[in-house]
């Protein structure tokens, strides 16, 4: 599964070329998809809540995303198991990123993974909140897009501003000091709250 494609620097996940192409996405493709889908979600939710309520639900959705981001990264993407099927799943979802962290076509989540997960979240929110749940979902997906763009930037851009540098340093410590911490990508405070913050390189000796 982890064999490299001799014609690329990418780690190849599938022998089938069509399936393999579904596991990668360019920044331009990512931007096009979500520039269409985010307004489409807002259009579906239109009329289900007044403006003030809709804005409040969007903010709530962003807050929910920050928790989901942390929990997903810590417990799903770094799931430890001796079961071969679980190991393969984890490698497909995230392990390949740690094996080749600067692959620009795998620094963003492909629609093959993001859209099915998003659909389940949307369905749950509609069951719990009815039609206004779409506004919570919009906030959730805005949080996701910001997360994925931030993740891409951490790996591919210099990130020289104060906030940008802080975000990049936090994530690079996850990759280069220890995968056991710094799970948050955008809402860095969750690593403090849950005791998984990596502050710096541990001194030797």
Protein backbone atom coordinates (compact mmCIF):
# COMPACT_ATOMS: atom_id res chain seq x y z
CA UNK A 1 0.00 0.00 0.00
CA UNK A 2 2.80 2.44 0.81
CA UNK A 3 4.86 1.74 -2.30
CA UNK A 4 5.92 4.89 -4.08
CA UNK A 5 4.88 5.63 -7.61
CA UNK A 6 8.14 5.57 -9.66
CA UNK A 7 6.80 8.46 -11.74
CA UNK A 8 6.05 10.74 -8.77
CA UNK A 9 7.24 11.78 -5.33
CA UNK A 10 3.82 10.90 -3.94
CA UNK A 11 3.12 7.80 -1.90
CA UNK A 12 0.83 5.62 -3.97
CA UNK A 13 -2.20 4.32 -2.08
CA UNK A 14 -3.99 2.32 -4.78
CA UNK A 15 -2.92 0.40 -7.88
CA UNK A 16 -6.00 1.58 -9.79
CA UNK A 17 -5.13 4.95 -11.34
CA UNK A 18 -8.69 6.33 -11.26
CA UNK A 19 -9.05 5.50 -7.57
CA UNK A 20 -5.58 6.89 -6.87
CA UNK A 21 -6.54 10.22 -8.44
CA UNK A 22 -9.46 10.48 -6.02
CA UNK A 23 -6.99 10.52 -3.10
CA UNK A 24 -5.29 13.76 -4.13
CA UNK A 25 -6.46 17.32 -4.70
CA UNK A 26 -4.76 20.52 -5.75
CA UNK A 27 -5.30 23.84 -3.93
CA UNK A 28 -7.13 25.17 -7.00
CA UNK A 29 -9.44 22.17 -7.08
CA UNK A 30 -10.08 22.49 -3.35
CA UNK A 31 -10.91 26.20 -3.74
CA UNK A 32 -13.30 25.60 -6.63
CA UNK A 33 -15.17 22.85 -4.81
CA UNK A 34 -15.70 24.78 -1.59
CA UNK A 35 -16.40 28.11 -3.28
CA UNK A 36 -19.38 26.30 -4.79
CA UNK A 37 -20.41 24.12 -1.84
CA UNK A 38 -20.34 26.71 0.97
CA UNK A 39 -22.75 29.13 -0.77
CA UNK A 40 -24.88 26.13 -1.75
CA UNK A 41 -25.21 25.12 1.92
CA UNK A 42 -26.23 28.70 2.79
CA UNK A 43 -28.82 28.62 -0.01
CA UNK A 44 -30.33 25.40 1.36
CA UNK A 45 -30.58 26.91 4.84
CA UNK A 46 -32.00 30.24 3.66
CA UNK A 47 -35.30 31.07 5.35
CA UNK A 48 -34.97 28.49 8.13
CA UNK A 49 -33.81 31.12 10.66
CA UNK A 50 -33.65 34.89 10.90
CA UNK A 51 -30.32 36.63 10.31
CA UNK A 52 -29.31 36.97 13.98
CA UNK A 53 -30.16 33.34 14.73
CA UNK A 54 -28.40 32.14 11.59
CA UNK A 55 -25.22 34.02 12.51
CA UNK A 56 -25.34 32.58 16.02
CA UNK A 57 -25.77 29.07 14.65
CA UNK A 58 -22.85 29.57 12.25
CA UNK A 59 -20.62 30.63 15.17
CA UNK A 60 -21.81 27.58 17.11
CA UNK A 61 -20.92 25.40 14.14
CA UNK A 62 -17.41 26.83 13.98
CA UNK A 63 -16.99 26.12 17.69
CA UNK A 64 -18.20 22.54 17.21
CA UNK A 65 -15.70 22.13 14.37
CA UNK A 66 -12.76 23.11 16.58
CA UNK A 67 -13.58 20.28 19.01
CA UNK A 68 -14.21 17.85 16.15
CA UNK A 69 -10.88 18.81 14.57
CA UNK A 70 -8.98 18.02 17.75
CA UNK A 71 -10.81 14.77 18.55
CA UNK A 72 -10.62 13.53 14.95
CA UNK A 73 -6.88 14.16 14.72
CA UNK A 74 -6.02 12.76 18.13
CA UNK A 75 -8.24 9.69 18.32
CA UNK A 76 -9.09 8.72 14.72
CA UNK A 77 -6.06 9.81 12.70
CA UNK A 78 -3.67 8.50 15.38
CA UNK A 79 -5.68 5.43 16.33
CA UNK A 80 -3.32 2.80 17.75
CA UNK A 81 -4.31 -0.78 17.00
CA UNK A 82 -2.73 -4.13 16.19
CA UNK A 83 -5.58 -4.98 13.81
CA UNK A 84 -4.29 -4.90 10.20
CA UNK A 85 -7.52 -3.42 8.83
CA UNK A 86 -7.38 -0.56 11.34
CA UNK A 87 -3.73 0.07 10.50
CA UNK A 88 -4.56 0.23 6.80
CA UNK A 89 -7.46 2.59 7.45
CA UNK A 90 -5.30 4.92 9.56
CA UNK A 91 -2.57 4.91 6.92
CA UNK A 92 -5.06 5.74 4.17
CA UNK A 93 -6.63 8.54 6.21
CA UNK A 94 -3.55 10.10 7.79
CA UNK A 95 -0.50 7.87 8.10
CA UNK A 96 0.54 8.55 4.52
CA UNK A 97 0.69 12.25 5.40
CA UNK A 98 3.22 11.58 8.16
CA UNK A 99 5.21 9.37 5.80
CA UNK A 100 5.40 12.20 3.23
CA UNK A 101 4.27 15.39 5.00
CA UNK A 102 5.17 17.88 2.27
CA UNK A 103 3.26 16.24 -0.58
CA UNK A 104 1.27 19.27 -1.75
CA UNK A 105 -1.46 17.11 -3.27
CA UNK A 106 -2.15 15.40 0.05
CA UNK A 107 -1.98 18.37 2.42
CA UNK A 108 -5.70 18.93 1.75
CA UNK A 109 -8.43 16.37 2.41
CA UNK A 110 -9.77 15.02 -0.91
CA UNK A 111 -13.54 15.14 -1.53
CA UNK A 112 -13.54 11.32 -1.49
CA UNK A 113 -13.15 11.60 2.31
CA UNK A 114 -14.44 15.07 3.22
CA UNK A 115 -17.81 15.01 1.46
CA UNK A 116 -19.07 11.67 2.88
CA UNK A 117 -18.04 12.73 6.40
CA UNK A 118 -19.69 16.13 5.89
CA UNK A 119 -22.89 14.47 4.67
CA UNK A 120 -23.13 12.39 7.84
CA UNK A 121 -22.57 15.47 10.02
CA UNK A 122 -25.24 17.39 8.10
CA UNK A 123 -27.71 14.55 8.52
CA UNK A 124 -27.09 14.36 12.27
CA UNK A 125 -27.55 18.12 12.67
CA UNK A 126 -30.82 18.06 10.74
CA UNK A 127 -32.08 15.21 12.93
CA UNK A 128 -31.14 17.10 16.09
CA UNK A 129 -32.11 20.66 15.15
CA UNK A 130 -34.36 20.45 12.12
CA UNK A 131 -33.88 22.82 9.19
CA UNK A 132 -31.88 25.42 11.20
CA UNK A 133 -29.22 22.73 11.67
CA UNK A 134 -28.06 23.65 8.18
CA UNK A 135 -26.67 26.92 9.57
CA UNK A 136 -24.70 25.03 12.22
CA UNK A 137 -23.44 22.79 9.43
CA UNK A 138 -22.37 25.84 7.40
CA UNK A 139 -20.29 27.07 10.35
CA UNK A 140 -18.87 23.58 10.79
CA UNK A 141 -17.79 23.46 7.16
CA UNK A 142 -16.36 27.00 7.26
CA UNK A 143 -14.27 25.78 10.18
CA UNK A 144 -13.21 22.76 8.14
CA UNK A 145 -12.16 24.85 5.13
CA UNK A 146 -10.13 27.22 7.33
CA UNK A 147 -8.55 24.19 9.02
CA UNK A 148 -7.54 22.52 5.76
CA UNK A 149 -6.22 25.75 4.24
CA UNK A 150 -4.22 26.40 7.41
CA UNK A 151 -2.83 22.87 7.30
CA UNK A 152 -1.81 23.30 3.67
CA UNK A 153 -0.16 26.64 4.46
CA UNK A 154 1.79 25.16 7.37
CA UNK A 155 3.43 22.69 5.00
CA UNK A 156 3.74 24.73 1.83
CA UNK A 157 4.11 28.43 2.75
CA UNK A 158 6.79 30.33 4.76
CA UNK A 159 4.22 31.57 7.34
CA UNK A 160 6.28 34.53 8.55
CA UNK A 161 3.65 36.63 10.33
CA UNK A 162 3.31 36.33 14.11
CA UNK A 163 0.08 34.32 14.07
CA UNK A 164 1.08 32.38 10.96
CA UNK A 165 4.44 31.45 12.46
CA UNK A 166 2.77 30.33 15.70
CA UNK A 167 0.38 28.06 13.77
CA UNK A 168 3.19 26.58 11.68
CA UNK A 169 5.51 26.04 14.65
CA UNK A 170 2.72 24.30 16.55
CA UNK A 171 2.03 21.88 13.71
CA UNK A 172 5.67 21.27 12.81
CA UNK A 173 6.31 20.18 16.40
CA UNK A 174 3.60 17.56 15.89
CA UNK A 175 5.47 16.24 12.85
CA UNK A 176 9.07 16.59 13.96
CA UNK A 177 9.10 16.32 17.77
CA UNK A 178 6.29 13.91 18.58
CA UNK A 179 3.05 12.68 17.07
CA UNK A 180 1.70 12.33 20.60
CA UNK A 181 0.78 16.02 20.89
CA UNK A 182 -0.13 19.29 19.16
CA UNK A 183 -3.18 17.78 17.52
CA UNK A 184 -4.96 21.09 16.96
CA UNK A 185 -4.34 22.90 13.69
CA UNK A 186 -6.39 26.08 14.12
CA UNK A 187 -7.80 26.18 17.69
CA UNK A 188 -4.43 25.68 19.39
CA UNK A 189 -5.83 26.21 22.89
CA UNK A 190 -7.38 22.72 22.88
CA UNK A 191 -3.90 21.22 23.25
CA UNK A 192 -3.51 23.21 26.47
CA UNK A 193 -6.98 22.25 27.69
CA UNK A 194 -6.45 18.53 27.05
CA UNK A 195 -2.81 18.39 28.13
CA UNK A 196 -1.31 17.51 24.75
CA UNK A 197 0.75 20.65 24.17
CA UNK A 198 4.35 20.18 22.95
CA UNK A 199 6.17 23.33 23.99
CA UNK A 200 9.62 22.76 22.50
CA UNK A 201 12.34 20.21 21.88
CA UNK A 202 13.12 18.32 25.07
CA UNK A 203 16.68 18.94 26.25
CA UNK A 204 19.00 15.94 25.95
CA UNK A 205 20.38 14.19 28.97
